[in-house]
Structures are given as structure tokens and as C-alpha cells.
Amino acid sequence: MATTVHEPPKIDPAPLQPSLGGNGGGGVNLPLARDGELRELMERPPEPVRTGIWVGLAAITMMFAAFTSALIVRQGSAVDWEHLALPRILYLNTAILLLSSLTLESARRKVASFVRGQGATRGQAMQVLASTLGLGLVFVAGQYVAWLQLRSKGLYIATNPNSSFFYVLTAVHAIHVLGGLGGLLLVTRRFARTVPTLRKSTLDAAAYYWHFMGILWVYLMFVLWLKL
């Protein structure tokens, strides 16, 4: 007796699109660009990067608190402490770094507007992100100019205790700013892809770090002005 095997019915699967939120797989589909390009800015809670950035900022805070404590103790016990006139370019650098925080917040709003299809274009968001990167580089260059100005006055890292603290504090902060620039560059590259792979948590983490660098620098300027 022959056995007839029936072919199972063919089901045409519906095209899947990434969704935002929902632990059960549901959520709101991300909007499509006018040219059909998928805009992919996804948030998947919990994001390790968000926890990691707060741990990193706490460690940086403790490090600079230790530097400040060492400066105060050294100044109180030193007989060779000489007043150090801060290079005026530091005040310009402060304004530049604070301005970069404003441009970064503007970039975050434009990225969100682009993803939601609310009017901003990718080019506008990229332009403001590039402005933030440029201002950060100008700040680092300005710090180098400040070091050159001190050297022209014969003040080196080993000249006296207060010049040592100046070089160490400003150099360590500049290194952390360079790390922040690396994070912003990563954000820009991911957003610039044909199909953006930037996640909201990554952009937020880079922004929190960058704003912290601005606040930390204002604090350092106050300490340098008061103690050096």
C-alpha cells in the first residue's frame, strides 16, 4: 500500500523589523527614513555601558580628590612654595570646554529628532557632533599652549612644588579629555553608518563623561587659582 505524504503548507513570513523596548519581543518599530533606510538607534536595558560609566566617573573623582588632598598637605608643609600666575589662556580653554558641552547637548537632541523622524537630518546631527569634537581638540591644544607659556617663564615640572602640581593636574585631566574624544569619535562613526548602529545608552554615556570633564575642569581651575 502506497503512503502519500502531503507537503506542509508554505507560510510567507512577514518581514521583521527591530523594535524598541519590551522584554517579550514586542515594542514600537523604529521609523524608516524617507529613502527607505532603516534608522537603528536601539536601547536594550540593562546596558552595561551605563553602569560602567558611573563606576569610571567615581574612580576619576576619587583620583582627583587624592590629588587635591596631596596639594593641600604639600602646600601646608612647604617652605619653598611660590605663587604661580595661571596662564590667561586657561580661561579661554574653560569657555571652550563649557561650550562643547552645549554643542553636545544640541547634538543629542538632533540625533533623537532624526531617529523619531521629527525634522532633523542626519547631516545636521553630524555637523554638531563634529563641532563638539573640534572644540575638544581646541581645548587640548590650548592646554599645550599653556604648558609652553610656563616653560617660556622657566617653570618646568620639577622647578618647584606648585609647578609640579600644575603640570600633573592639567596633564592628567587632558588625558581623560582625550579619552572622552575617543568616545565621541566612536559615537560619530556609529551614527554615520549607512544603517546607524548607535545605541542611546552609548550616546548618553559619552555625554555624561564629557559633561563630567567640564565640571571637573572648572573645579580644577578653582583649586589652581586658590592654591597655586
N, C-alpha and C. Protein backbone atom coordinates (compact mmCIF):
# COMPACT_ATOMS: atom_id res chain seq x y z
N MET A 1 0.86 -1.19 0.00
CA MET A 1 0.00 0.00 0.00
C MET A 1 0.89 1.24 0.00
N ALA A 2 0.63 2.10 -0.93
CA ALA A 2 1.43 3.33 -1.01
C ALA A 2 0.99 4.35 0.02
N THR A 3 1.96 5.05 0.55
CA THR A 3 1.67 6.10 1.55
C THR A 3 1.90 7.46 0.92
N THR A 4 0.91 8.30 1.02
CA THR A 4 1.00 9.64 0.44
C THR A 4 1.42 10.63 1.51
N VAL A 5 2.50 11.33 1.25
CA VAL A 5 2.98 12.35 2.19
C VAL A 5 2.64 13.72 1.63
N HIS A 6 1.85 14.44 2.39
CA HIS A 6 1.42 15.77 1.94
C HIS A 6 2.46 16.82 2.31
N GLU A 7 2.76 17.66 1.36
CA GLU A 7 3.71 18.75 1.60
C GLU A 7 3.09 19.78 2.52
N PRO A 8 3.80 20.16 3.59
CA PRO A 8 3.22 21.16 4.51
C PRO A 8 2.99 22.48 3.81
N PRO A 9 1.96 23.17 4.24
CA PRO A 9 1.65 24.46 3.57
C PRO A 9 2.77 25.45 3.76
N LYS A 10 3.04 26.23 2.75
CA LYS A 10 4.08 27.25 2.80
C LYS A 10 3.55 28.53 3.41
N ILE A 11 4.32 29.03 4.35
CA ILE A 11 3.92 30.26 5.04
C ILE A 11 4.91 31.35 4.67
N ASP A 12 4.37 32.43 4.18
CA ASP A 12 5.23 33.56 3.80
C ASP A 12 5.49 34.41 5.03
N PRO A 13 6.71 34.30 5.60
CA PRO A 13 6.96 35.05 6.83
C PRO A 13 6.95 36.54 6.59
N ALA A 14 6.37 37.26 7.53
CA ALA A 14 6.35 38.72 7.43
C ALA A 14 7.73 39.27 7.73
N PRO A 15 8.14 40.27 7.03
CA PRO A 15 9.47 40.85 7.29
C PRO A 15 9.54 41.40 8.71
N LEU A 16 10.66 41.09 9.36
CA LEU A 16 10.84 41.53 10.73
C LEU A 16 11.60 42.84 10.75
N GLN A 17 11.24 43.67 11.70
CA GLN A 17 11.94 44.92 11.90
C GLN A 17 12.36 45.01 13.35
N PRO A 18 13.52 45.62 13.63
CA PRO A 18 13.92 45.80 15.02
C PRO A 18 12.88 46.60 15.76
N SER A 19 12.67 46.28 17.03
CA SER A 19 11.70 47.00 17.83
C SER A 19 12.38 47.60 19.03
N LEU A 20 11.74 48.56 19.63
CA LEU A 20 12.31 49.30 20.74
C LEU A 20 11.55 48.94 22.00
N GLY A 21 12.27 48.36 23.00
CA GLY A 21 11.67 48.08 24.30
C GLY A 21 10.90 46.80 24.29
N GLY A 22 10.43 46.40 25.49
CA GLY A 22 9.61 45.21 25.61
C GLY A 22 10.45 43.99 25.84
N ASN A 23 10.28 43.30 27.01
CA ASN A 23 11.05 42.11 27.29
C ASN A 23 10.52 40.92 26.54
N GLY A 24 9.27 40.97 26.11
CA GLY A 24 8.67 39.84 25.44
C GLY A 24 8.82 39.91 23.94
N GLY A 25 9.62 40.79 23.44
CA GLY A 25 9.84 40.86 22.00
C GLY A 25 8.97 41.88 21.32
N GLY A 26 8.01 42.48 22.04
CA GLY A 26 7.15 43.49 21.41
C GLY A 26 7.80 44.83 21.47
N GLY A 27 7.06 45.83 21.08
CA GLY A 27 7.60 47.18 21.13
C GLY A 27 7.17 47.97 19.93
N VAL A 28 7.73 49.14 19.84
CA VAL A 28 7.39 50.05 18.75
C VAL A 28 8.47 49.97 17.69
N ASN A 29 8.09 49.69 16.44
CA ASN A 29 9.07 49.60 15.37
C ASN A 29 9.76 50.94 15.17
N LEU A 30 11.05 50.88 14.89
CA LEU A 30 11.79 52.10 14.63
C LEU A 30 11.35 52.70 13.30
N PRO A 31 11.35 54.02 13.18
CA PRO A 31 10.88 54.65 11.95
C PRO A 31 11.84 54.41 10.79
N LEU A 32 11.31 54.47 9.60
CA LEU A 32 12.11 54.36 8.40
C LEU A 32 12.38 55.73 7.84
N ALA A 33 13.56 55.91 7.28
CA ALA A 33 13.90 57.17 6.64
C ALA A 33 13.05 57.35 5.39
N ARG A 34 13.00 58.56 4.90
CA ARG A 34 12.20 58.82 3.71
C ARG A 34 12.70 58.03 2.52
N ASP A 35 14.00 57.74 2.48
CA ASP A 35 14.54 56.99 1.35
C ASP A 35 14.51 55.49 1.61
N GLY A 36 13.80 55.04 2.64
CA GLY A 36 13.68 53.62 2.92
C GLY A 36 14.76 53.06 3.81
N GLU A 37 15.68 53.90 4.23
CA GLU A 37 16.80 53.44 5.05
C GLU A 37 16.33 53.28 6.50
N LEU A 38 16.72 52.17 7.11
CA LEU A 38 16.31 51.89 8.49
C LEU A 38 17.14 52.68 9.47
N ARG A 39 16.49 53.40 10.34
CA ARG A 39 17.18 54.14 11.39
C ARG A 39 17.21 53.25 12.64
N GLU A 40 18.40 52.94 13.07
CA GLU A 40 18.54 51.96 14.13
C GLU A 40 19.28 52.55 15.33
N LEU A 41 18.51 53.13 16.24
CA LEU A 41 19.06 53.65 17.47
C LEU A 41 18.33 52.93 18.59
N MET A 42 18.91 51.86 19.11
CA MET A 42 18.19 50.94 19.98
C MET A 42 18.69 51.02 21.41
N GLU A 43 17.76 50.80 22.32
CA GLU A 43 18.08 50.76 23.74
C GLU A 43 17.65 49.40 24.28
N ARG A 44 18.61 48.66 24.82
CA ARG A 44 18.33 47.34 25.35
C ARG A 44 18.67 47.31 26.84
N PRO A 45 17.71 47.57 27.71
CA PRO A 45 18.01 47.56 29.13
C PRO A 45 18.21 46.14 29.63
N PRO A 46 19.10 45.90 30.60
CA PRO A 46 20.04 46.90 31.12
C PRO A 46 21.29 46.98 30.27
N GLU A 47 21.86 48.16 30.11
CA GLU A 47 23.06 48.36 29.32
C GLU A 47 24.28 48.43 30.23
N PRO A 48 25.25 47.52 30.11
CA PRO A 48 26.45 47.56 30.96
C PRO A 48 27.22 48.87 30.83
N VAL A 49 27.15 49.50 29.65
CA VAL A 49 27.92 50.72 29.45
C VAL A 49 27.45 51.82 30.39
N ARG A 50 26.16 51.83 30.71
CA ARG A 50 25.64 52.88 31.59
C ARG A 50 26.14 52.71 33.02
N THR A 51 26.19 51.46 33.48
CA THR A 51 26.74 51.20 34.81
C THR A 51 28.24 51.47 34.83
N GLY A 52 28.92 51.04 33.77
CA GLY A 52 30.36 51.20 33.71
C GLY A 52 30.79 52.66 33.75
N ILE A 53 30.01 53.54 33.10
CA ILE A 53 30.43 54.94 33.07
C ILE A 53 30.37 55.57 34.45
N TRP A 54 29.37 55.19 35.25
CA TRP A 54 29.28 55.75 36.60
C TRP A 54 30.39 55.23 37.49
N VAL A 55 30.76 53.96 37.32
CA VAL A 55 31.89 53.41 38.07
C VAL A 55 33.18 54.15 37.68
N GLY A 56 33.36 54.39 36.39
CA GLY A 56 34.54 55.10 35.92
C GLY A 56 34.60 56.53 36.45
N LEU A 57 33.46 57.22 36.45
CA LEU A 57 33.45 58.60 36.95
C LEU A 57 33.74 58.64 38.44
N ALA A 58 33.25 57.65 39.18
CA ALA A 58 33.54 57.60 40.62
C ALA A 58 35.04 57.41 40.85
N ALA A 59 35.68 56.57 40.05
CA ALA A 59 37.12 56.34 40.19
C ALA A 59 37.91 57.60 39.87
N ILE A 60 37.50 58.32 38.82
CA ILE A 60 38.19 59.56 38.45
C ILE A 60 38.02 60.60 39.56
N THR A 61 36.83 60.67 40.14
CA THR A 61 36.57 61.62 41.23
C THR A 61 37.49 61.34 42.41
N MET A 62 37.62 60.07 42.77
CA MET A 62 38.48 59.70 43.90
C MET A 62 39.94 60.04 43.60
N MET A 63 40.37 59.85 42.36
CA MET A 63 41.76 60.14 42.00
C MET A 63 42.06 61.63 42.14
N PHE A 64 41.17 62.48 41.62
CA PHE A 64 41.43 63.92 41.70
C PHE A 64 41.23 64.44 43.12
N ALA A 65 40.38 63.78 43.90
CA ALA A 65 40.26 64.15 45.31
C ALA A 65 41.57 63.85 46.03
N ALA A 66 42.22 62.75 45.68
CA ALA A 66 43.51 62.42 46.28
C ALA A 66 44.57 63.44 45.87
N PHE A 67 44.55 63.85 44.59
CA PHE A 67 45.49 64.88 44.13
C PHE A 67 45.29 66.18 44.92
N THR A 68 44.03 66.56 45.11
CA THR A 68 43.74 67.80 45.83
C THR A 68 44.21 67.73 47.27
N SER A 69 43.97 66.60 47.90
CA SER A 69 44.42 66.41 49.28
C SER A 69 45.94 66.50 49.37
N ALA A 70 46.63 65.87 48.42
CA ALA A 70 48.09 65.93 48.42
C ALA A 70 48.58 67.35 48.22
N LEU A 71 47.89 68.11 47.36
CA LEU A 71 48.29 69.50 47.12
C LEU A 71 48.16 70.33 48.39
N ILE A 72 47.05 70.18 49.09
CA ILE A 72 46.81 70.96 50.31
C ILE A 72 47.84 70.62 51.39
N VAL A 73 48.11 69.32 51.54
CA VAL A 73 49.09 68.89 52.55
C VAL A 73 50.48 69.42 52.20
N ARG A 74 50.85 69.30 50.92
CA ARG A 74 52.18 69.74 50.49
C ARG A 74 52.35 71.25 50.66
N GLN A 75 51.30 72.00 50.34
CA GLN A 75 51.39 73.44 50.48
C GLN A 75 51.53 73.84 51.94
N GLY A 76 50.83 73.14 52.81
CA GLY A 76 50.89 73.49 54.24
C GLY A 76 52.22 73.19 54.88
N SER A 77 52.98 72.27 54.30
CA SER A 77 54.26 71.89 54.91
C SER A 77 55.47 72.40 54.13
N ALA A 78 55.23 73.21 53.09
CA ALA A 78 56.33 73.62 52.21
C ALA A 78 56.83 75.01 52.60
N VAL A 79 58.15 75.17 52.54
CA VAL A 79 58.75 76.49 52.73
C VAL A 79 59.21 77.05 51.39
N ASP A 80 59.16 76.20 50.35
CA ASP A 80 59.61 76.61 49.01
C ASP A 80 58.43 76.81 48.06
N TRP A 81 57.25 77.05 48.63
CA TRP A 81 56.05 77.22 47.79
C TRP A 81 56.03 78.64 47.24
N GLU A 82 55.97 78.79 45.94
CA GLU A 82 55.96 80.10 45.29
C GLU A 82 54.66 80.27 44.52
N HIS A 83 54.17 81.49 44.52
CA HIS A 83 52.93 81.76 43.81
C HIS A 83 53.11 81.57 42.31
N LEU A 84 52.11 80.96 41.69
CA LEU A 84 52.16 80.70 40.25
C LEU A 84 51.03 81.45 39.56
N ALA A 85 51.37 82.35 38.66
CA ALA A 85 50.36 83.07 37.89
C ALA A 85 49.86 82.17 36.77
N LEU A 86 48.57 81.88 36.79
CA LEU A 86 48.00 80.98 35.79
C LEU A 86 48.03 81.63 34.41
N PRO A 87 48.40 80.89 33.38
CA PRO A 87 48.35 81.43 32.02
C PRO A 87 46.91 81.85 31.66
N ARG A 88 46.76 83.00 31.06
CA ARG A 88 45.42 83.51 30.76
C ARG A 88 44.66 82.63 29.78
N ILE A 89 45.38 81.86 28.98
CA ILE A 89 44.70 81.03 28.00
C ILE A 89 43.83 79.96 28.68
N LEU A 90 44.12 79.67 29.94
CA LEU A 90 43.31 78.69 30.66
C LEU A 90 41.86 79.14 30.78
N TYR A 91 41.63 80.43 30.89
CA TYR A 91 40.26 80.93 30.99
C TYR A 91 39.54 80.76 29.66
N LEU A 92 40.26 80.97 28.57
CA LEU A 92 39.67 80.73 27.25
C LEU A 92 39.38 79.23 27.08
N ASN A 93 40.32 78.39 27.54
CA ASN A 93 40.10 76.96 27.44
C ASN A 93 38.86 76.52 28.21
N THR A 94 38.63 77.16 29.36
CA THR A 94 37.45 76.84 30.15
C THR A 94 36.18 77.15 29.38
N ALA A 95 36.14 78.32 28.75
CA ALA A 95 34.96 78.69 27.96
C ALA A 95 34.75 77.72 26.80
N ILE A 96 35.83 77.29 26.16
CA ILE A 96 35.73 76.36 25.03
C ILE A 96 35.17 75.02 25.48
N LEU A 97 35.64 74.52 26.62
CA LEU A 97 35.17 73.22 27.10
C LEU A 97 33.70 73.29 27.50
N LEU A 98 33.30 74.36 28.14
CA LEU A 98 31.88 74.51 28.51
C LEU A 98 31.01 74.65 27.27
N LEU A 99 31.51 75.36 26.26
CA LEU A 99 30.76 75.48 25.01
C LEU A 99 30.58 74.12 24.34
N SER A 100 31.59 73.27 24.43
CA SER A 100 31.49 71.94 23.82
C SER A 100 30.40 71.10 24.49
N SER A 101 30.16 71.32 25.77
CA SER A 101 29.06 70.62 26.44
C SER A 101 27.71 71.06 25.87
N LEU A 102 27.60 72.34 25.57
CA LEU A 102 26.36 72.85 24.98
C LEU A 102 26.14 72.26 23.59
N THR A 103 27.19 72.21 22.79
CA THR A 103 27.03 71.66 21.44
C THR A 103 26.72 70.16 21.49
N LEU A 104 27.26 69.45 22.48
CA LEU A 104 26.97 68.02 22.61
C LEU A 104 25.51 67.80 22.97
N GLU A 105 24.97 68.63 23.85
CA GLU A 105 23.54 68.50 24.18
C GLU A 105 22.68 68.81 22.96
N SER A 106 23.10 69.77 22.17
CA SER A 106 22.37 70.06 20.93
C SER A 106 22.44 68.87 19.98
N ALA A 107 23.58 68.21 19.92
CA ALA A 107 23.73 67.03 19.07
C ALA A 107 22.82 65.91 19.54
N ARG A 108 22.71 65.71 20.85
CA ARG A 108 21.83 64.65 21.38
C ARG A 108 20.38 64.91 20.97
N ARG A 109 19.96 66.16 21.04
CA ARG A 109 18.58 66.48 20.64
C ARG A 109 18.37 66.24 19.15
N LYS A 110 19.36 66.58 18.33
CA LYS A 110 19.21 66.40 16.90
C LYS A 110 19.22 64.91 16.52
N VAL A 111 20.04 64.13 17.21
CA VAL A 111 20.04 62.68 16.96
C VAL A 111 18.68 62.09 17.29
N ALA A 112 18.14 62.47 18.45
CA ALA A 112 16.82 61.97 18.85
C ALA A 112 15.74 62.41 17.86
N SER A 113 15.84 63.65 17.39
CA SER A 113 14.86 64.15 16.42
C SER A 113 14.95 63.38 15.10
N PHE A 114 16.17 63.06 14.68
CA PHE A 114 16.36 62.30 13.45
C PHE A 114 15.76 60.90 13.57
N VAL A 115 16.03 60.24 14.70
CA VAL A 115 15.54 58.88 14.90
C VAL A 115 14.02 58.84 14.92
N ARG A 116 13.42 59.84 15.52
CA ARG A 116 11.96 59.87 15.62
C ARG A 116 11.29 60.44 14.37
N GLY A 117 12.10 60.88 13.42
CA GLY A 117 11.54 61.45 12.21
C GLY A 117 10.84 62.77 12.44
N GLN A 118 11.41 63.60 13.34
CA GLN A 118 10.75 64.84 13.73
C GLN A 118 11.38 66.08 13.10
N GLY A 119 12.13 65.90 12.03
CA GLY A 119 12.59 67.07 11.29
C GLY A 119 14.09 67.20 11.13
N ALA A 120 14.87 66.83 12.11
CA ALA A 120 16.32 66.97 12.00
C ALA A 120 16.88 65.94 11.02
N THR A 121 17.89 66.32 10.30
CA THR A 121 18.53 65.42 9.34
C THR A 121 19.79 64.83 9.95
N ARG A 122 20.26 63.74 9.33
CA ARG A 122 21.50 63.14 9.79
C ARG A 122 22.66 64.14 9.65
N GLY A 123 22.68 64.90 8.56
CA GLY A 123 23.75 65.85 8.34
C GLY A 123 23.81 66.91 9.42
N GLN A 124 22.65 67.39 9.89
CA GLN A 124 22.64 68.39 10.95
C GLN A 124 23.21 67.83 12.25
N ALA A 125 22.81 66.61 12.58
CA ALA A 125 23.32 65.97 13.80
C ALA A 125 24.83 65.73 13.69
N MET A 126 25.28 65.29 12.53
CA MET A 126 26.70 65.04 12.33
C MET A 126 27.50 66.33 12.45
N GLN A 127 26.95 67.41 11.94
CA GLN A 127 27.65 68.69 11.98
C GLN A 127 27.88 69.15 13.42
N VAL A 128 26.87 68.99 14.28
CA VAL A 128 27.02 69.42 15.66
C VAL A 128 27.95 68.48 16.43
N LEU A 129 27.89 67.18 16.13
CA LEU A 129 28.83 66.24 16.74
C LEU A 129 30.27 66.60 16.35
N ALA A 130 30.47 66.93 15.08
CA ALA A 130 31.81 67.32 14.63
C ALA A 130 32.27 68.60 15.32
N SER A 131 31.35 69.53 15.57
CA SER A 131 31.70 70.76 16.28
C SER A 131 32.18 70.46 17.69
N THR A 132 31.51 69.50 18.35
CA THR A 132 31.93 69.12 19.70
C THR A 132 33.33 68.52 19.69
N LEU A 133 33.58 67.64 18.73
CA LEU A 133 34.92 67.06 18.60
C LEU A 133 35.96 68.15 18.36
N GLY A 134 35.65 69.08 17.48
CA GLY A 134 36.59 70.16 17.17
C GLY A 134 36.89 71.02 18.39
N LEU A 135 35.87 71.35 19.17
CA LEU A 135 36.09 72.16 20.36
C LEU A 135 36.94 71.41 21.39
N GLY A 136 36.72 70.10 21.50
CA GLY A 136 37.53 69.30 22.40
C GLY A 136 38.99 69.30 22.01
N LEU A 137 39.26 69.19 20.72
CA LEU A 137 40.64 69.23 20.24
C LEU A 137 41.27 70.61 20.48
N VAL A 138 40.48 71.66 20.30
CA VAL A 138 40.99 73.01 20.56
C VAL A 138 41.34 73.16 22.04
N PHE A 139 40.53 72.59 22.91
CA PHE A 139 40.83 72.65 24.35
C PHE A 139 42.17 71.99 24.66
N VAL A 140 42.39 70.80 24.13
CA VAL A 140 43.65 70.09 24.38
C VAL A 140 44.82 70.89 23.83
N ALA A 141 44.65 71.46 22.64
CA ALA A 141 45.71 72.29 22.06
C ALA A 141 45.97 73.51 22.93
N GLY A 142 44.91 74.08 23.49
CA GLY A 142 45.07 75.24 24.38
C GLY A 142 45.83 74.88 25.65
N GLN A 143 45.62 73.66 26.16
CA GLN A 143 46.37 73.22 27.32
C GLN A 143 47.86 73.11 27.00
N TYR A 144 48.16 72.63 25.82
CA TYR A 144 49.56 72.54 25.40
C TYR A 144 50.20 73.92 25.30
N VAL A 145 49.42 74.88 24.80
CA VAL A 145 49.93 76.25 24.72
C VAL A 145 50.22 76.79 26.12
N ALA A 146 49.36 76.47 27.08
CA ALA A 146 49.57 76.91 28.46
C ALA A 146 50.87 76.33 29.02
N TRP A 147 51.13 75.07 28.72
CA TRP A 147 52.39 74.47 29.19
C TRP A 147 53.59 75.16 28.54
N LEU A 148 53.48 75.49 27.26
CA LEU A 148 54.57 76.19 26.59
C LEU A 148 54.80 77.56 27.21
N GLN A 149 53.74 78.24 27.60
CA GLN A 149 53.88 79.55 28.21
C GLN A 149 54.60 79.47 29.55
N LEU A 150 54.30 78.41 30.32
CA LEU A 150 55.01 78.23 31.58
C LEU A 150 56.49 77.92 31.35
N ARG A 151 56.76 77.10 30.35
CA ARG A 151 58.15 76.76 30.03
C ARG A 151 58.93 78.01 29.62
N SER A 152 58.27 78.91 28.89
CA SER A 152 58.95 80.14 28.47
C SER A 152 59.34 81.01 29.66
N LYS A 153 58.66 80.80 30.80
CA LYS A 153 58.98 81.55 32.02
C LYS A 153 59.96 80.78 32.91
N GLY A 154 60.45 79.65 32.40
CA GLY A 154 61.39 78.86 33.18
C GLY A 154 60.76 77.97 34.22
N LEU A 155 59.46 77.71 34.08
CA LEU A 155 58.74 76.86 35.04
C LEU A 155 58.51 75.50 34.42
N TYR A 156 59.18 74.49 34.97
CA TYR A 156 59.04 73.12 34.49
C TYR A 156 58.40 72.27 35.59
N ILE A 157 58.22 71.01 35.28
CA ILE A 157 57.52 70.16 36.24
C ILE A 157 58.31 69.99 37.53
N ALA A 158 59.64 70.11 37.49
CA ALA A 158 60.46 69.93 38.68
C ALA A 158 61.01 71.24 39.23
N THR A 159 60.51 72.38 38.73
CA THR A 159 61.04 73.66 39.18
C THR A 159 60.71 73.92 40.65
N ASN A 160 59.45 73.77 41.00
CA ASN A 160 59.02 73.92 42.39
C ASN A 160 57.75 73.10 42.60
N PRO A 161 57.29 72.93 43.84
CA PRO A 161 56.14 72.06 44.09
C PRO A 161 54.87 72.50 43.39
N ASN A 162 54.59 73.81 43.36
CA ASN A 162 53.32 74.22 42.76
C ASN A 162 53.33 74.06 41.25
N SER A 163 54.47 74.26 40.59
CA SER A 163 54.51 74.00 39.15
C SER A 163 54.36 72.51 38.86
N SER A 164 54.87 71.67 39.76
CA SER A 164 54.71 70.22 39.60
C SER A 164 53.24 69.84 39.64
N PHE A 165 52.52 70.39 40.61
CA PHE A 165 51.09 70.09 40.71
C PHE A 165 50.33 70.63 39.50
N PHE A 166 50.73 71.78 39.01
CA PHE A 166 50.04 72.33 37.84
C PHE A 166 50.17 71.39 36.65
N TYR A 167 51.37 70.96 36.35
CA TYR A 167 51.58 70.09 35.20
C TYR A 167 50.86 68.75 35.38
N VAL A 168 50.95 68.19 36.57
CA VAL A 168 50.34 66.88 36.80
C VAL A 168 48.82 66.96 36.68
N LEU A 169 48.20 67.92 37.35
CA LEU A 169 46.74 68.03 37.34
C LEU A 169 46.20 68.31 35.94
N THR A 170 46.83 69.27 35.25
CA THR A 170 46.33 69.61 33.92
C THR A 170 46.61 68.51 32.90
N ALA A 171 47.74 67.82 33.04
CA ALA A 171 48.07 66.75 32.10
C ALA A 171 47.15 65.55 32.28
N VAL A 172 46.90 65.17 33.53
CA VAL A 172 46.01 64.02 33.78
C VAL A 172 44.61 64.34 33.29
N HIS A 173 44.15 65.56 33.51
CA HIS A 173 42.83 65.94 33.01
C HIS A 173 42.80 65.91 31.48
N ALA A 174 43.86 66.40 30.84
CA ALA A 174 43.91 66.40 29.38
C ALA A 174 43.87 64.97 28.82
N ILE A 175 44.53 64.05 29.50
CA ILE A 175 44.50 62.65 29.07
C ILE A 175 43.08 62.10 29.13
N HIS A 176 42.35 62.44 30.18
CA HIS A 176 40.96 61.99 30.29
C HIS A 176 40.07 62.66 29.24
N VAL A 177 40.38 63.91 28.90
CA VAL A 177 39.63 64.58 27.82
C VAL A 177 39.86 63.85 26.50
N LEU A 178 41.09 63.43 26.25
CA LEU A 178 41.38 62.66 25.04
C LEU A 178 40.58 61.36 25.02
N GLY A 179 40.42 60.73 26.18
CA GLY A 179 39.57 59.55 26.26
C GLY A 179 38.13 59.87 25.91
N GLY A 180 37.66 61.02 26.36
CA GLY A 180 36.31 61.45 26.00
C GLY A 180 36.16 61.72 24.52
N LEU A 181 37.21 62.27 23.90
CA LEU A 181 37.18 62.50 22.46
C LEU A 181 37.11 61.17 21.71
N GLY A 182 37.80 60.15 22.24
CA GLY A 182 37.71 58.83 21.63
C GLY A 182 36.30 58.28 21.69
N GLY A 183 35.61 58.50 22.82
CA GLY A 183 34.23 58.06 22.93
C GLY A 183 33.31 58.80 21.98
N LEU A 184 33.51 60.11 21.83
CA LEU A 184 32.69 60.88 20.90
C LEU A 184 32.96 60.48 19.46
N LEU A 185 34.20 60.14 19.15
CA LEU A 185 34.52 59.67 17.81
C LEU A 185 33.82 58.34 17.52
N LEU A 186 33.77 57.46 18.50
CA LEU A 186 33.05 56.20 18.33
C LEU A 186 31.57 56.44 18.08
N VAL A 187 30.98 57.36 18.85
CA VAL A 187 29.58 57.71 18.66
C VAL A 187 29.34 58.23 17.25
N THR A 188 30.22 59.12 16.79
CA THR A 188 30.07 59.71 15.47
C THR A 188 30.18 58.66 14.37
N ARG A 189 31.12 57.74 14.49
CA ARG A 189 31.30 56.70 13.48
C ARG A 189 30.09 55.78 13.40
N ARG A 190 29.55 55.40 14.55
CA ARG A 190 28.39 54.51 14.54
C ARG A 190 27.16 55.20 13.98
N PHE A 191 27.03 56.49 14.26
CA PHE A 191 25.88 57.22 13.74
C PHE A 191 26.01 57.51 12.25
N ALA A 192 27.24 57.57 11.75
CA ALA A 192 27.48 57.92 10.36
C ALA A 192 27.30 56.74 9.41
N ARG A 193 27.15 55.52 9.92
CA ARG A 193 26.99 54.36 9.06
C ARG A 193 25.71 54.44 8.24
N THR A 194 25.70 53.71 7.13
CA THR A 194 24.52 53.72 6.27
C THR A 194 23.27 53.33 7.05
N VAL A 195 23.38 52.27 7.85
CA VAL A 195 22.35 51.93 8.81
C VAL A 195 22.94 52.19 10.19
N PRO A 196 22.59 53.28 10.85
CA PRO A 196 23.21 53.62 12.12
C PRO A 196 23.06 52.51 13.15
N THR A 197 24.15 52.20 13.85
CA THR A 197 24.14 51.17 14.89
C THR A 197 24.38 51.78 16.26
N LEU A 198 24.21 53.07 16.37
CA LEU A 198 24.41 53.76 17.63
C LEU A 198 23.24 53.50 18.56
N ARG A 199 23.54 53.17 19.81
CA ARG A 199 22.51 52.98 20.82
C ARG A 199 22.42 54.21 21.71
N LYS A 200 21.24 54.44 22.21
CA LYS A 200 21.01 55.61 23.05
C LYS A 200 21.91 55.58 24.29
N SER A 201 22.09 54.40 24.87
CA SER A 201 22.90 54.30 26.08
C SER A 201 24.36 54.68 25.80
N THR A 202 24.86 54.35 24.61
CA THR A 202 26.24 54.71 24.26
C THR A 202 26.39 56.22 24.13
N LEU A 203 25.43 56.85 23.47
CA LEU A 203 25.45 58.30 23.34
C LEU A 203 25.33 58.97 24.71
N ASP A 204 24.44 58.46 25.56
CA ASP A 204 24.27 59.03 26.90
C ASP A 204 25.55 58.90 27.72
N ALA A 205 26.19 57.72 27.66
CA ALA A 205 27.41 57.50 28.43
C ALA A 205 28.51 58.47 27.99
N ALA A 206 28.66 58.64 26.68
CA ALA A 206 29.68 59.58 26.17
C ALA A 206 29.37 61.00 26.62
N ALA A 207 28.09 61.36 26.63
CA ALA A 207 27.70 62.71 27.04
C ALA A 207 27.94 62.93 28.54
N TYR A 208 27.58 61.93 29.36
CA TYR A 208 27.81 62.06 30.80
C TYR A 208 29.30 62.25 31.09
N TYR A 209 30.12 61.46 30.43
CA TYR A 209 31.58 61.55 30.64
C TYR A 209 32.08 62.93 30.23
N TRP A 210 31.62 63.42 29.09
CA TRP A 210 32.11 64.70 28.59
C TRP A 210 31.68 65.85 29.50
N HIS A 211 30.44 65.83 29.95
CA HIS A 211 29.98 66.88 30.86
C HIS A 211 30.76 66.83 32.18
N PHE A 212 31.08 65.63 32.63
CA PHE A 212 31.87 65.49 33.86
C PHE A 212 33.24 66.10 33.69
N MET A 213 33.86 65.93 32.50
CA MET A 213 35.16 66.54 32.25
C MET A 213 35.08 68.06 32.35
N GLY A 214 33.98 68.64 31.89
CA GLY A 214 33.81 70.09 32.00
C GLY A 214 33.68 70.53 33.45
N ILE A 215 32.85 69.82 34.22
CA ILE A 215 32.68 70.16 35.64
C ILE A 215 33.99 69.98 36.39
N LEU A 216 34.70 68.90 36.09
CA LEU A 216 35.98 68.64 36.76
C LEU A 216 36.99 69.74 36.45
N TRP A 217 36.99 70.22 35.21
CA TRP A 217 37.95 71.27 34.87
C TRP A 217 37.63 72.57 35.59
N VAL A 218 36.36 72.92 35.74
CA VAL A 218 36.00 74.12 36.49
C VAL A 218 36.48 73.99 37.93
N TYR A 219 36.31 72.81 38.49
CA TYR A 219 36.80 72.56 39.86
C TYR A 219 38.32 72.72 39.93
N LEU A 220 39.04 72.15 38.96
CA LEU A 220 40.49 72.25 38.96
C LEU A 220 40.95 73.70 38.81
N MET A 221 40.26 74.45 37.98
CA MET A 221 40.61 75.86 37.81
C MET A 221 40.49 76.61 39.14
N PHE A 222 39.44 76.30 39.89
CA PHE A 222 39.25 76.95 41.19
C PHE A 222 40.37 76.56 42.15
N VAL A 223 40.73 75.27 42.16
CA VAL A 223 41.80 74.81 43.05
C VAL A 223 43.14 75.45 42.66
N LEU A 224 43.42 75.47 41.34
CA LEU A 224 44.68 76.06 40.89
C LEU A 224 44.76 77.54 41.20
N TRP A 225 43.64 78.24 40.99
CA TRP A 225 43.62 79.67 41.27
C TRP A 225 43.76 79.95 42.76
N LEU A 226 43.15 79.11 43.60
CA LEU A 226 43.15 79.35 45.04
C LEU A 226 44.45 78.93 45.70
N LYS A 227 45.04 77.81 45.23
CA LYS A 227 46.16 77.21 45.94
C LYS A 227 47.53 77.50 45.31
N LEU A 228 47.54 77.73 44.00
CA LEU A 228 48.83 77.93 43.33
C LEU A 228 49.17 79.42 43.21
